[in-house]
Amino acid sequence: MSGPGESNPELESFRERWKAEVRAKKPTSTAAPAPGPSSSPALATALKALHKPPTAPAKKQVHPPADQDEDDDFAPPPPVFDQPGTAPDSASSAQHGESLSTSAGKKPVSALEYYEQAVEREVVGRMGDSLTLYRKAFRMDDAVDQKYKAKHFPKPATKPAAAAGSRSDGSAAVASSAATAAPKRDQPQSLNDLIPSFSGLSIEPASPEIEGMPAPPCPISCLPDEILVHILRDVAIHDVGDFMRLAQVCRRLAYLVLTEDQIWRRVCLGSEFGFGGMHYHWQRQVAWEPLTTEDLLREAAIEEEEGATTDLLPLTLEQRAQKHAAESLANTMAFYEALYSSSWQRMFRLRPRIRFNGCYICTVNYIRPGQASSNQFTWNSPVHIVTYYRYLRFFRDGSVLSLLTTAEPADVVHHLTREAAALHAGGAAAHLPSIVVQSVLKGRWRLATLADNPAASVSEAEGDLVVETEGVSKYIYRLDLSLRSGGRSTGPKNNKLVWRGFYSFNRLTGDVAEFALGDRSKPFTFSRVKSYGVRGE
C-alpha cells in the first residue's frame, strides 16, 4: 500500500482522462436557447414543492470532491418544443436577447417579474441566481407558475356562445337540437325503453373457466323460442317467484319474462297463484262443514233480494262451483281490458288477491294504567304496555284460521296448521310446543263482489274481504277487511288487510253488534312462511 506522500500514477492518468471526457461533453457555444412553451422550467417545477420551509431539520449538504467540476451536475437541459412553430429562429433569438438585456437592468417588483427573470437565468445556465429568484417568486405567490403559463402560453380562446346566433338559421337549429339531445343520452333509459332493445339478443353461454379452453355447453341457448316459452310457463306455474328471478340471468330471459303475455295469462287465470283460486262466494260453513241445502236456499234468497236472477236451488254443489268459476272467468276478462290496460302482468300485480304461502299478522300495542301500591309512595300510578297479536291464515278451499294471542310470531306461525288445531282441540296435548294454537278459531273467507256494496265502484268492491269465524257459544264473528298495498310504490302489492268493521252475530236471535276497535285497529301485514310451501298447500 502506498504511503500518504506517494502518488499512484495509474490513478492520476485515469483521472486526467475522465476530466478530458467531461470537458469534451460540455456545450461549445454559450448561446442560450429560447424557453419553450412546455410549461414551467424543470427547476421551477421541482422548487414549487420546496418553497415552504421544511418542518424537519435540513440535512447537511454534501459538497462534491475537489477534483470534480461543480458545473457538471447542473448542465442546462436541452430546449423542448411541445407545440408546432415554437422552435427558435434568428429573429426570435435576437428578440429574446434584447428582452434579456432589458430585463437584466430592470429590478423586479412582483412575483411574476421575479419568475420571468428566474426563467431567463435558468435558460442561460445561471442556476444559482435562478434558484434565488424562484424562491423569492414562490414566497410572494405560490401560484406564480400558473400566471406565467397564462401570460406566455395562453390557451386558444373558445368561440363565445353568442357566435351561434350569427350563423345561419339552419346551423343554429342543428346546434341547438344537438345541445338539447346531449343530456338525454346521459340519462338512464326507462324500463319500457330498455326491455324492447333486448328483443334481438340470444342466450349466450358462459365463458370458459380457463382462457383458451372451449366454452362449457349451453343447450338452452339452442332451443327455439316456442320450446323456451313452454319451459318458462311450467316454471311460472310451479313458482312465480322463480319465474321472475329468471329475468336476472340474462337479457334474453329478461325480455321473455317481461313481455310474454301468454305466460302471464296462464298465471292469472290459473288456480295456483292467480284468480282462478279466488272465491267470491262461500265454499263451506264456518266450522268447515260442506254447504247444505239450507245454505243454498239462504244464498238464493239474498241474491233475489238484491235483484239478481238465480237458479242455484236446482243446482248441485258441483254445478254451482262450475257456474261460479265461469262467472269469475268472465269478470277477469272484463277487468283485463277495462281496469288493467290489457296487460296480464299488470293485472296479476295490482288486482287484489289472497296469498296462501304465509299468514297475515296484526300487532297491537296499547297502554293500560295500573294500580298504585298502598305500601310504597309513588308520584304517579304505574302503567302497563300490552302487546298482543292477531293471526289469519287462509286456505285455498275457502277456509281460514284465526288466532288472538300474546305469543310472538316466531312461536306461532309454524304451528298455525289444520293438524295442530285438530290436535289441541279442547286443550289436549298441552305438553307440545304447538299448544299456543289451542284457542284458534275456524272460519271461512270470500272476496266481496259488487252486490255486497252496490254504492262502491268496481275497483273498490274488488278489494274487500269478508271473514267469518267461530265465536263464543252462539255467536259468529265477522271481520270486514280491505286489501291494500303498503310500503313503497315499487314494492309488493296487496300485502295489507285494513279493518272496515268487526261484528258479532247471534245465530239464535239474528242480532248484530259491532265491536269498537278505536286505536287498536292496526292493519294486518302479510308475512311469508317457508314451512307452508311455495303455494301454501
Protein backbone atom coordinates (compact mmCIF):
# COMPACT_ATOMS: atom_id res chain seq x y z
CA MET A 1 0.00 0.00 0.00
CA SER A 2 1.39 3.43 -0.88
CA GLY A 3 2.24 5.94 1.77
CA PRO A 4 0.41 9.20 2.27
CA GLY A 5 3.05 11.20 0.42
CA GLU A 6 3.28 8.89 -2.58
CA SER A 7 1.11 9.19 -5.68
CA ASN A 8 -0.38 6.44 -7.82
CA PRO A 9 0.49 7.00 -11.47
CA GLU A 10 -2.35 4.81 -12.77
CA LEU A 11 -4.94 6.65 -10.70
CA GLU A 12 -3.65 10.04 -11.85
CA SER A 13 -3.74 9.02 -15.51
CA PHE A 14 -7.31 7.70 -15.16
CA ARG A 15 -8.39 10.98 -13.51
CA GLU A 16 -6.89 13.09 -16.28
CA ARG A 17 -8.64 11.01 -18.98
CA TRP A 18 -12.00 11.30 -17.13
CA LYS A 19 -11.64 15.12 -16.89
CA ALA A 20 -10.87 15.32 -20.59
CA GLU A 21 -14.03 13.37 -21.46
CA VAL A 22 -16.14 15.61 -19.20
CA ARG A 23 -14.78 18.79 -20.83
CA ALA A 24 -15.48 17.33 -24.29
CA LYS A 25 -19.15 16.77 -23.41
CA LYS A 26 -19.71 20.42 -22.41
CA PRO A 27 -21.59 22.62 -24.98
CA THR A 28 -19.15 24.62 -27.06
CA SER A 29 -21.43 27.64 -27.56
CA THR A 30 -22.82 29.74 -24.76
CA ALA A 31 -25.80 30.98 -26.78
CA ALA A 32 -28.95 30.48 -24.73
CA PRO A 33 -31.93 28.86 -26.42
CA ALA A 34 -35.32 30.47 -26.02
CA PRO A 35 -37.62 28.94 -23.41
CA GLY A 36 -40.16 26.57 -24.95
CA PRO A 37 -43.87 26.56 -24.11
CA SER A 38 -43.77 23.20 -22.39
CA SER A 39 -44.99 24.71 -19.12
CA SER A 40 -42.54 25.99 -16.50
CA PRO A 41 -38.82 25.02 -16.39
CA ALA A 42 -37.73 21.87 -14.62
CA LEU A 43 -36.03 23.74 -11.79
CA ALA A 44 -39.15 25.77 -11.06
CA THR A 45 -41.32 22.64 -11.01
CA ALA A 46 -39.06 20.95 -8.51
CA LEU A 47 -38.80 24.12 -6.44
CA LYS A 48 -42.57 24.68 -6.20
CA ALA A 49 -42.97 21.91 -3.67
CA LEU A 50 -39.98 23.20 -1.67
CA HIS A 51 -40.69 26.92 -1.48
CA LYS A 52 -42.14 26.49 2.02
CA PRO A 53 -39.69 26.00 4.90
CA PRO A 54 -39.33 22.29 5.77
CA THR A 55 -40.68 21.05 9.07
CA ALA A 56 -37.88 18.52 9.61
CA PRO A 57 -34.29 19.69 10.18
CA ALA A 58 -32.36 20.03 6.93
CA LYS A 59 -29.68 17.52 6.18
CA LYS A 60 -26.08 18.59 5.92
CA GLN A 61 -25.16 19.45 2.35
CA VAL A 62 -22.55 17.20 0.80
CA HIS A 63 -20.10 19.07 -1.46
CA PRO A 64 -18.64 17.38 -4.50
CA PRO A 65 -14.96 16.34 -4.44
CA ALA A 66 -12.40 18.93 -5.18
CA ASP A 67 -11.34 17.21 -8.37
CA GLN A 68 -14.91 17.27 -9.80
CA ASP A 69 -16.28 20.27 -11.66
CA GLU A 70 -19.43 21.57 -9.95
CA ASP A 71 -20.99 22.67 -13.23
CA ASP A 72 -21.23 19.04 -14.36
CA ASP A 73 -24.15 18.37 -12.00
CA PHE A 74 -26.16 21.35 -13.28
CA ALA A 75 -25.78 21.10 -17.05
CA PRO A 76 -28.60 23.07 -18.73
CA PRO A 77 -31.29 20.81 -20.21
CA PRO A 78 -31.91 20.87 -23.96
CA PRO A 79 -34.82 23.03 -25.09
CA VAL A 80 -38.17 21.24 -25.50
CA PHE A 81 -40.72 22.39 -28.06
CA ASP A 82 -44.12 20.73 -27.48
CA GLN A 83 -46.14 22.89 -29.84
CA PRO A 84 -45.54 23.48 -33.52
CA GLY A 85 -44.00 26.74 -34.51
CA THR A 86 -42.07 27.26 -31.29
CA ALA A 87 -38.58 26.43 -32.50
CA PRO A 88 -36.29 29.41 -32.13
CA ASP A 89 -35.20 31.16 -35.29
CA SER A 90 -32.80 34.01 -35.80
CA ALA A 91 -35.41 36.73 -35.29
CA SER A 92 -36.78 35.22 -32.13
CA SER A 93 -33.25 34.68 -30.79
CA ALA A 94 -32.42 38.30 -31.39
CA GLN A 95 -35.66 39.42 -29.80
CA HIS A 96 -35.06 37.16 -26.82
CA GLY A 97 -31.57 38.54 -26.44
CA GLU A 98 -32.98 42.04 -26.34
CA SER A 99 -35.51 41.01 -23.68
CA LEU A 100 -32.72 39.54 -21.61
CA SER A 101 -30.67 42.66 -21.86
CA THR A 102 -33.58 44.93 -20.99
CA SER A 103 -34.85 42.83 -18.13
CA ALA A 104 -31.39 42.39 -16.67
CA GLY A 105 -31.15 46.05 -15.75
CA LYS A 106 -34.72 46.22 -14.51
CA LYS A 107 -35.38 45.45 -10.87
CA PRO A 108 -38.32 43.05 -10.41
CA VAL A 109 -41.15 44.06 -8.14
CA SER A 110 -43.95 41.47 -8.46
CA ALA A 111 -43.76 37.70 -8.12
CA LEU A 112 -44.35 37.29 -11.86
CA GLU A 113 -41.36 39.50 -12.69
CA TYR A 114 -39.14 37.51 -10.32
CA TYR A 115 -40.36 34.32 -12.00
CA GLU A 116 -39.65 35.68 -15.50
CA GLN A 117 -36.10 36.65 -14.55
CA ALA A 118 -35.61 33.25 -12.93
CA VAL A 119 -36.59 31.56 -16.17
CA GLU A 120 -34.11 33.71 -18.08
CA ARG A 121 -31.32 32.83 -15.66
CA GLU A 122 -32.17 29.12 -15.89
CA VAL A 123 -32.05 29.18 -19.68
CA VAL A 124 -28.57 30.64 -19.84
CA GLY A 125 -27.32 28.24 -17.19
CA ARG A 126 -27.03 30.59 -14.20
CA MET A 127 -28.59 28.15 -11.79
CA GLY A 128 -27.61 29.86 -8.59
CA ASP A 129 -29.25 33.17 -9.49
CA SER A 130 -32.27 31.31 -10.96
CA LEU A 131 -32.79 29.36 -7.76
CA THR A 132 -32.73 32.51 -5.65
CA LEU A 133 -35.25 34.25 -7.90
CA TYR A 134 -37.56 31.21 -7.94
CA ARG A 135 -37.62 31.15 -4.17
CA LYS A 136 -38.49 34.83 -3.94
CA ALA A 137 -41.26 34.41 -6.52
CA PHE A 138 -42.87 31.43 -4.78
CA ARG A 139 -42.68 33.11 -1.38
CA MET A 140 -44.61 36.06 -2.76
CA ASP A 141 -47.16 33.95 -4.67
CA ASP A 142 -47.34 30.15 -4.61
CA ALA A 143 -49.37 30.12 -7.86
CA VAL A 144 -46.96 32.28 -9.84
CA ASP A 145 -46.11 29.43 -12.23
CA GLN A 146 -49.75 29.25 -13.37
CA LYS A 147 -49.78 33.00 -14.00
CA TYR A 148 -46.59 32.63 -16.04
CA LYS A 149 -48.22 29.97 -18.21
CA ALA A 150 -51.34 32.07 -18.68
CA LYS A 151 -49.26 35.08 -19.78
CA HIS A 152 -46.74 33.49 -22.11
CA PHE A 153 -48.58 30.36 -23.26
CA PRO A 154 -52.33 31.22 -23.28
CA LYS A 155 -54.83 28.57 -24.30
CA PRO A 156 -56.71 29.06 -27.59
CA ALA A 157 -59.80 31.13 -26.92
CA THR A 158 -63.11 29.30 -27.32
CA LYS A 159 -65.80 30.76 -29.50
CA PRO A 160 -68.48 32.57 -27.49
CA ALA A 161 -71.95 31.15 -27.34
CA ALA A 162 -73.32 34.29 -28.99
CA ALA A 163 -71.48 33.33 -32.16
CA ALA A 164 -74.03 30.59 -32.73
CA GLY A 165 -76.68 33.24 -33.31
CA SER A 166 -74.64 34.84 -36.12
CA ARG A 167 -74.72 31.63 -38.13
CA SER A 168 -77.49 30.68 -40.45
CA ASP A 169 -80.82 29.56 -39.05
CA GLY A 170 -80.29 26.00 -40.21
CA SER A 171 -76.92 25.55 -38.50
CA ALA A 172 -78.18 27.25 -35.34
CA ALA A 173 -81.16 24.90 -35.22
CA VAL A 174 -78.90 21.88 -35.63
CA ALA A 175 -76.59 23.13 -32.88
CA SER A 176 -79.49 23.79 -30.51
CA SER A 177 -81.02 20.39 -31.18
CA ALA A 178 -77.67 18.71 -30.57
CA ALA A 179 -77.27 20.65 -27.32
CA THR A 180 -80.69 19.57 -26.11
CA ALA A 181 -80.16 15.97 -27.19
CA ALA A 182 -76.82 15.66 -25.38
CA PRO A 183 -78.19 15.44 -21.82
CA LYS A 184 -80.78 12.90 -22.92
CA ARG A 185 -78.07 10.46 -23.90
CA ASP A 186 -76.58 10.70 -20.41
CA GLN A 187 -79.87 9.92 -18.70
CA PRO A 188 -80.57 6.21 -17.96
CA GLN A 189 -83.22 4.55 -20.06
CA SER A 190 -86.56 3.66 -18.56
CA LEU A 191 -87.67 0.05 -18.28
CA ASN A 192 -90.20 0.47 -21.08
CA ASP A 193 -87.43 1.65 -23.42
CA LEU A 194 -84.78 -0.77 -22.22
CA ILE A 195 -86.64 -4.08 -22.45
CA PRO A 196 -87.57 -3.80 -26.18
CA SER A 197 -83.89 -3.35 -27.01
CA PHE A 198 -83.30 -6.93 -25.79
CA SER A 199 -85.63 -8.48 -28.38
CA GLY A 200 -82.89 -9.33 -30.88
CA LEU A 201 -80.48 -10.85 -28.35
CA SER A 202 -79.88 -14.53 -27.74
CA ILE A 203 -78.83 -16.57 -24.74
CA GLU A 204 -75.04 -16.59 -24.62
CA PRO A 205 -73.15 -19.50 -23.00
CA ALA A 206 -70.89 -18.90 -20.04
CA SER A 207 -67.27 -18.02 -20.69
CA PRO A 208 -64.69 -20.79 -20.15
CA GLU A 209 -63.16 -21.08 -16.71
CA ILE A 210 -59.65 -21.24 -18.23
CA GLU A 211 -58.65 -18.91 -21.03
CA GLY A 212 -58.08 -20.73 -24.29
CA MET A 213 -60.29 -23.69 -23.36
CA PRO A 214 -63.63 -24.31 -25.12
CA ALA A 215 -66.73 -22.78 -23.54
CA PRO A 216 -68.96 -25.11 -21.47
CA PRO A 217 -72.05 -26.44 -23.25
CA CYS A 218 -75.27 -24.41 -23.04
CA PRO A 219 -78.13 -26.47 -24.51
CA ILE A 220 -80.80 -23.91 -23.62
CA SER A 221 -79.22 -21.36 -25.97
CA CYS A 222 -80.02 -23.64 -28.93
CA LEU A 223 -83.73 -24.03 -28.14
CA PRO A 224 -86.29 -22.26 -30.32
CA ASP A 225 -88.49 -19.65 -28.69
CA GLU A 226 -91.59 -21.88 -28.79
CA ILE A 227 -89.99 -24.55 -26.60
CA LEU A 228 -88.29 -21.97 -24.38
CA VAL A 229 -91.61 -20.22 -23.71
CA HIS A 230 -93.20 -23.58 -22.84
CA ILE A 231 -90.44 -24.24 -20.28
CA LEU A 232 -90.83 -20.78 -18.78
CA ARG A 233 -94.58 -21.29 -18.48
CA ASP A 234 -94.05 -24.50 -16.48
CA VAL A 235 -91.64 -22.65 -14.19
CA ALA A 236 -94.21 -19.86 -13.64
CA ILE A 237 -96.95 -22.37 -12.79
CA HIS A 238 -94.69 -24.05 -10.26
CA ASP A 239 -93.40 -20.83 -8.63
CA VAL A 240 -93.96 -17.28 -9.86
CA GLY A 241 -91.05 -16.08 -7.75
CA ASP A 242 -88.60 -18.38 -9.54
CA PHE A 243 -90.06 -17.28 -12.88
CA MET A 244 -89.42 -13.62 -12.06
CA ARG A 245 -85.88 -14.37 -10.86
CA LEU A 246 -85.08 -15.79 -14.30
CA ALA A 247 -85.02 -12.17 -15.52
CA GLN A 248 -81.74 -11.76 -13.65
CA VAL A 249 -79.96 -14.49 -15.64
CA CYS A 250 -79.50 -12.72 -18.98
CA ARG A 251 -81.10 -10.09 -21.18
CA ARG A 252 -82.87 -12.57 -23.41
CA LEU A 253 -84.65 -14.22 -20.49
CA ALA A 254 -85.46 -10.79 -19.06
CA TYR A 255 -87.17 -9.92 -22.33
CA LEU A 256 -89.20 -13.15 -22.34
CA VAL A 257 -90.20 -12.87 -18.67
CA LEU A 258 -91.46 -9.31 -19.02
CA THR A 259 -93.06 -9.47 -22.45
CA GLU A 260 -94.51 -12.99 -22.91
CA ASP A 261 -98.15 -12.20 -22.24
CA GLN A 262 -99.33 -15.78 -22.77
CA ILE A 263 -97.34 -16.89 -19.71
CA TRP A 264 -98.85 -14.17 -17.55
CA ARG A 265 -102.30 -15.02 -18.90
CA ARG A 266 -101.88 -18.61 -17.73
CA VAL A 267 -100.70 -17.42 -14.30
CA CYS A 268 -103.64 -15.03 -13.89
CA LEU A 269 -106.31 -17.49 -14.97
CA GLY A 270 -104.83 -20.49 -13.13
CA SER A 271 -105.71 -21.59 -9.62
CA GLU A 272 -102.08 -21.98 -8.47
CA PHE A 273 -101.39 -18.29 -7.82
CA GLY A 274 -103.95 -16.46 -9.93
CA PHE A 275 -107.59 -15.52 -9.73
CA GLY A 276 -108.86 -18.99 -10.59
CA GLY A 277 -108.20 -19.83 -6.94
CA MET A 278 -110.05 -16.80 -5.55
CA HIS A 279 -113.54 -17.32 -4.10
CA TYR A 280 -116.32 -14.76 -4.41
CA HIS A 281 -118.95 -16.99 -2.77
CA TRP A 282 -118.94 -19.10 0.38
CA GLN A 283 -117.46 -22.53 -0.22
CA ARG A 284 -118.22 -24.13 3.17
CA GLN A 285 -119.72 -23.44 6.56
CA VAL A 286 -117.98 -21.59 9.37
CA ALA A 287 -116.90 -24.83 11.11
CA TRP A 288 -115.62 -26.19 7.75
CA GLU A 289 -118.59 -28.49 7.09
CA PRO A 290 -119.85 -28.68 3.50
CA LEU A 291 -122.67 -26.37 2.48
CA THR A 292 -126.19 -27.71 2.96
CA THR A 293 -129.43 -27.14 1.09
CA GLU A 294 -130.43 -24.56 3.70
CA ASP A 295 -127.26 -22.61 2.93
CA LEU A 296 -128.07 -22.65 -0.78
CA LEU A 297 -131.63 -21.50 -0.11
CA ARG A 298 -130.38 -18.69 2.09
CA GLU A 299 -127.90 -17.61 -0.58
CA ALA A 300 -130.59 -17.71 -3.26
CA ALA A 301 -132.88 -15.59 -1.11
CA ILE A 302 -130.16 -12.99 -0.57
CA GLU A 303 -129.44 -12.76 -4.30
CA GLU A 304 -133.14 -12.45 -5.03
CA GLU A 305 -133.45 -9.54 -2.59
CA GLU A 306 -130.55 -7.83 -4.35
CA GLY A 307 -132.41 -8.09 -7.67
CA ALA A 308 -130.29 -10.82 -9.22
CA THR A 309 -131.96 -13.71 -11.01
CA THR A 310 -130.64 -17.00 -9.71
CA ASP A 311 -131.20 -20.65 -10.38
CA LEU A 312 -128.90 -22.03 -7.71
CA LEU A 313 -131.59 -24.04 -5.99
CA PRO A 314 -131.86 -26.85 -8.54
CA LEU A 315 -128.09 -26.99 -8.97
CA THR A 316 -125.81 -29.36 -7.14
CA LEU A 317 -122.64 -28.20 -5.39
CA GLU A 318 -120.51 -29.26 -8.39
CA GLN A 319 -122.74 -27.39 -10.84
CA ARG A 320 -122.76 -24.37 -8.57
CA ALA A 321 -118.94 -24.41 -8.46
CA GLN A 322 -118.77 -24.59 -12.26
CA LYS A 323 -121.15 -21.66 -12.61
CA HIS A 324 -119.18 -19.54 -10.17
CA ALA A 325 -115.94 -20.41 -11.98
CA ALA A 326 -117.49 -19.26 -15.27
CA GLU A 327 -118.63 -16.00 -13.65
CA SER A 328 -115.16 -15.45 -12.20
CA LEU A 329 -113.56 -16.00 -15.60
CA ALA A 330 -115.96 -13.56 -17.26
CA ASN A 331 -115.23 -10.89 -14.65
CA THR A 332 -111.48 -11.43 -15.05
CA MET A 333 -111.68 -10.95 -18.82
CA ALA A 334 -113.79 -7.79 -18.36
CA PHE A 335 -111.37 -6.29 -15.81
CA TYR A 336 -108.41 -7.21 -18.02
CA GLU A 337 -109.48 -4.71 -20.65
CA ALA A 338 -111.27 -2.12 -18.52
CA LEU A 339 -109.00 -1.71 -15.48
CA TYR A 340 -105.55 -3.06 -16.35
CA SER A 341 -104.88 -1.76 -19.89
CA SER A 342 -104.93 -5.26 -21.44
CA SER A 343 -101.82 -6.31 -19.55
CA TRP A 344 -101.88 -9.65 -17.76
CA GLN A 345 -98.69 -8.87 -15.89
CA ARG A 346 -100.14 -5.60 -14.60
CA MET A 347 -103.34 -7.37 -13.62
CA PHE A 348 -101.52 -10.07 -11.67
CA ARG A 349 -99.56 -7.45 -9.77
CA LEU A 350 -102.30 -4.96 -8.99
CA ARG A 351 -105.59 -6.84 -8.76
CA PRO A 352 -106.50 -7.78 -5.16
CA ARG A 353 -105.90 -11.44 -4.33
CA ILE A 354 -105.31 -13.56 -1.24
CA ARG A 355 -101.93 -15.21 -0.67
CA PHE A 356 -101.67 -18.69 0.78
CA ASN A 357 -97.91 -19.16 1.32
CA GLY A 358 -97.86 -17.16 4.55
CA CYS A 359 -100.09 -15.57 7.16
CA TYR A 360 -101.38 -12.07 7.91
CA ILE A 361 -100.28 -10.67 11.27
CA CYS A 362 -101.72 -7.71 13.18
CA THR A 363 -99.59 -6.32 16.02
CA VAL A 364 -101.37 -4.15 18.60
CA ASN A 365 -99.72 -2.17 21.40
CA TYR A 366 -101.64 -0.18 23.98
CA ILE A 367 -101.05 1.28 27.45
CA ARG A 368 -103.17 0.20 30.42
CA PRO A 369 -102.99 2.09 33.73
CA GLY A 370 -102.02 0.04 36.75
CA GLN A 371 -102.89 0.28 40.43
CA ALA A 372 -100.68 2.21 42.81
CA SER A 373 -99.19 0.31 45.73
CA SER A 374 -100.52 1.20 49.19
CA ASN A 375 -97.21 0.26 50.86
CA GLN A 376 -94.96 2.49 48.75
CA PHE A 377 -95.09 6.18 47.98
CA THR A 378 -95.12 6.88 44.23
CA TRP A 379 -95.55 10.11 42.36
CA ASN A 380 -97.74 8.59 39.65
CA SER A 381 -99.66 5.38 39.09
CA PRO A 382 -97.79 2.70 37.11
CA VAL A 383 -98.74 1.84 33.54
CA HIS A 384 -98.56 -1.42 31.60
CA ILE A 385 -97.63 -1.68 27.92
CA VAL A 386 -99.66 -4.57 26.50
CA THR A 387 -98.80 -6.24 23.18
CA TYR A 388 -100.93 -8.87 21.51
CA TYR A 389 -101.21 -10.33 18.01
CA ARG A 390 -103.94 -11.40 15.62
CA TYR A 391 -103.18 -14.08 13.04
CA LEU A 392 -105.10 -15.01 9.90
CA ARG A 393 -104.09 -17.90 7.66
CA PHE A 394 -106.14 -18.55 4.50
CA PHE A 395 -106.53 -21.85 2.64
CA ARG A 396 -107.42 -22.49 -0.98
CA ASP A 397 -110.64 -24.32 -0.20
CA GLY A 398 -112.19 -21.21 1.35
CA SER A 399 -111.34 -21.98 4.98
CA VAL A 400 -109.36 -19.80 7.40
CA LEU A 401 -107.73 -20.00 10.84
CA SER A 402 -107.98 -17.01 13.22
CA LEU A 403 -105.95 -16.67 16.41
CA LEU A 404 -105.69 -13.97 19.07
CA THR A 405 -102.73 -14.43 21.44
CA THR A 406 -99.85 -12.68 23.15
CA ALA A 407 -97.32 -15.18 21.73
CA GLU A 408 -94.86 -13.74 19.23
CA PRO A 409 -94.94 -14.74 15.55
CA ALA A 410 -91.79 -16.87 15.79
CA ASP A 411 -93.61 -19.15 18.27
CA VAL A 412 -96.91 -19.29 16.39
CA VAL A 413 -96.68 -19.22 12.60
CA HIS A 414 -95.09 -22.68 12.20
CA HIS A 415 -97.87 -24.27 14.30
CA LEU A 416 -100.77 -22.44 12.64
CA THR A 417 -101.96 -25.51 10.72
CA ARG A 418 -105.13 -27.57 10.49
CA GLU A 419 -103.40 -30.55 12.07
CA ALA A 420 -102.28 -28.57 15.12
CA ALA A 421 -105.75 -27.06 15.51
CA ALA A 422 -107.35 -30.52 15.49
CA LEU A 423 -104.68 -31.90 17.85
CA HIS A 424 -105.21 -29.24 20.54
CA ALA A 425 -108.99 -29.01 20.29
CA GLY A 426 -110.36 -28.79 23.82
CA GLY A 427 -106.93 -28.23 25.38
CA ALA A 428 -105.50 -31.67 24.56
CA ALA A 429 -101.75 -32.38 24.23
CA ALA A 430 -100.78 -29.42 26.38
CA HIS A 431 -97.17 -30.63 26.64
CA LEU A 432 -96.39 -29.88 22.98
CA PRO A 433 -94.90 -26.59 21.74
CA SER A 434 -97.89 -26.14 19.44
CA ILE A 435 -100.17 -25.58 22.45
CA VAL A 436 -100.07 -21.87 21.55
CA VAL A 437 -102.77 -22.54 18.92
CA GLN A 438 -105.23 -24.21 21.29
CA SER A 439 -107.53 -21.16 21.16
CA VAL A 440 -107.51 -20.94 17.36
CA LEU A 441 -110.89 -20.35 15.68
CA LYS A 442 -112.10 -21.98 12.47
CA GLY A 443 -113.69 -19.85 9.81
CA ARG A 444 -114.36 -19.18 6.14
CA TRP A 445 -113.49 -16.38 3.74
CA ARG A 446 -114.55 -14.90 0.43
CA LEU A 447 -113.79 -11.81 -1.62
CA ALA A 448 -116.56 -9.27 -1.92
CA THR A 449 -118.41 -8.52 -5.14
CA LEU A 450 -120.30 -5.52 -6.41
CA ALA A 451 -123.50 -7.00 -4.92
CA ASP A 452 -122.05 -6.61 -1.40
CA ASN A 453 -121.59 -2.86 -1.84
CA PRO A 454 -123.65 -1.51 -4.76
CA ALA A 455 -122.65 2.09 -3.99
CA ALA A 456 -118.94 1.36 -4.48
CA SER A 457 -117.13 1.30 -7.79
CA VAL A 458 -115.97 -1.92 -9.40
CA SER A 459 -112.34 -1.40 -8.37
CA GLU A 460 -113.30 -0.59 -4.75
CA ALA A 461 -115.61 -3.60 -4.39
CA GLU A 462 -112.88 -5.87 -5.76
CA GLY A 463 -110.60 -5.07 -2.83
CA ASP A 464 -112.98 -6.05 0.01
CA LEU A 465 -112.67 -9.25 2.01
CA VAL A 466 -115.20 -10.93 4.32
CA VAL A 467 -114.11 -13.37 7.04
CA GLU A 468 -116.49 -15.26 9.36
CA THR A 469 -115.12 -17.26 12.31
CA GLU A 470 -116.44 -19.19 15.26
CA GLY A 471 -117.34 -17.20 18.34
CA VAL A 472 -118.17 -17.79 21.94
CA SER A 473 -121.15 -20.11 22.32
CA LYS A 474 -123.93 -18.97 19.97
CA TYR A 475 -122.03 -16.12 18.31
CA ILE A 476 -120.24 -15.79 14.99
CA TYR A 477 -117.58 -13.14 14.44
CA ARG A 478 -117.46 -11.28 11.14
CA LEU A 479 -114.38 -9.32 10.01
CA ASP A 480 -114.79 -6.86 7.15
CA LEU A 481 -111.38 -6.07 5.68
CA SER A 482 -109.91 -4.41 2.60
CA LEU A 483 -106.84 -5.44 0.64
CA ARG A 484 -104.37 -2.58 0.37
CA SER A 485 -100.73 -2.05 -0.55
CA GLY A 486 -98.16 -0.85 1.95
CA GLY A 487 -94.63 0.44 1.60
CA ARG A 488 -93.02 1.90 -1.50
CA SER A 489 -94.80 2.35 -4.81
CA THR A 490 -92.47 -0.21 -6.40
CA GLY A 491 -92.84 -2.67 -3.53
CA PRO A 492 -95.25 -5.60 -3.10
CA LYS A 493 -98.93 -5.02 -3.70
CA ASN A 494 -101.97 -6.17 -1.71
CA ASN A 495 -99.86 -7.12 1.28
CA LYS A 496 -102.06 -5.44 3.93
CA LEU A 497 -105.54 -6.05 5.29
CA VAL A 498 -107.16 -2.88 6.62
CA TRP A 499 -110.09 -3.01 9.03
CA ARG A 500 -113.51 -1.86 7.84
CA GLY A 501 -115.56 -3.35 10.66
CA PHE A 502 -115.73 -6.06 13.32
CA TYR A 503 -119.11 -7.55 14.26
CA SER A 504 -120.71 -10.33 16.28
CA PHE A 505 -123.78 -12.21 15.01
CA ASN A 506 -126.19 -14.06 17.28
CA ARG A 507 -127.24 -17.21 15.47
CA LEU A 508 -130.34 -17.68 17.63
CA THR A 509 -131.85 -14.20 17.50
CA GLY A 510 -130.16 -12.81 14.39
CA ASP A 511 -128.93 -9.71 16.25
CA VAL A 512 -125.76 -7.98 15.04
CA ALA A 513 -123.45 -5.98 17.33
CA GLU A 514 -120.31 -4.05 16.39
CA PHE A 515 -117.04 -4.12 18.31
CA ALA A 516 -115.43 -0.71 18.83
CA LEU A 517 -111.80 -1.09 17.75
CA GLY A 518 -110.67 2.51 18.21
CA ASP A 519 -106.91 2.89 18.22
CA ARG A 520 -106.45 -0.88 18.20
CA SER A 521 -107.50 -1.27 14.56
CA LYS A 522 -103.99 -1.89 13.28
CA PRO A 523 -103.79 -3.44 9.80
CA PHE A 524 -102.73 -7.00 9.10
CA THR A 525 -99.42 -7.36 7.27
CA PHE A 526 -98.57 -10.40 5.15
CA SER A 527 -95.50 -12.44 6.09
CA ARG A 528 -94.33 -15.40 4.04
CA VAL A 529 -93.69 -18.65 5.93
CA LYS A 530 -91.36 -21.10 4.17
CA SER A 531 -92.74 -24.09 6.02
CA TYR A 532 -96.11 -23.56 4.30
CA GLY A 533 -94.55 -24.36 0.91
CA VAL A 534 -94.46 -22.41 -2.33
CA ARG A 535 -98.23 -22.44 -2.88
CA GLY A 536 -99.27 -22.69 0.75
CA GLU A 537 -100.84 -26.10 0.36
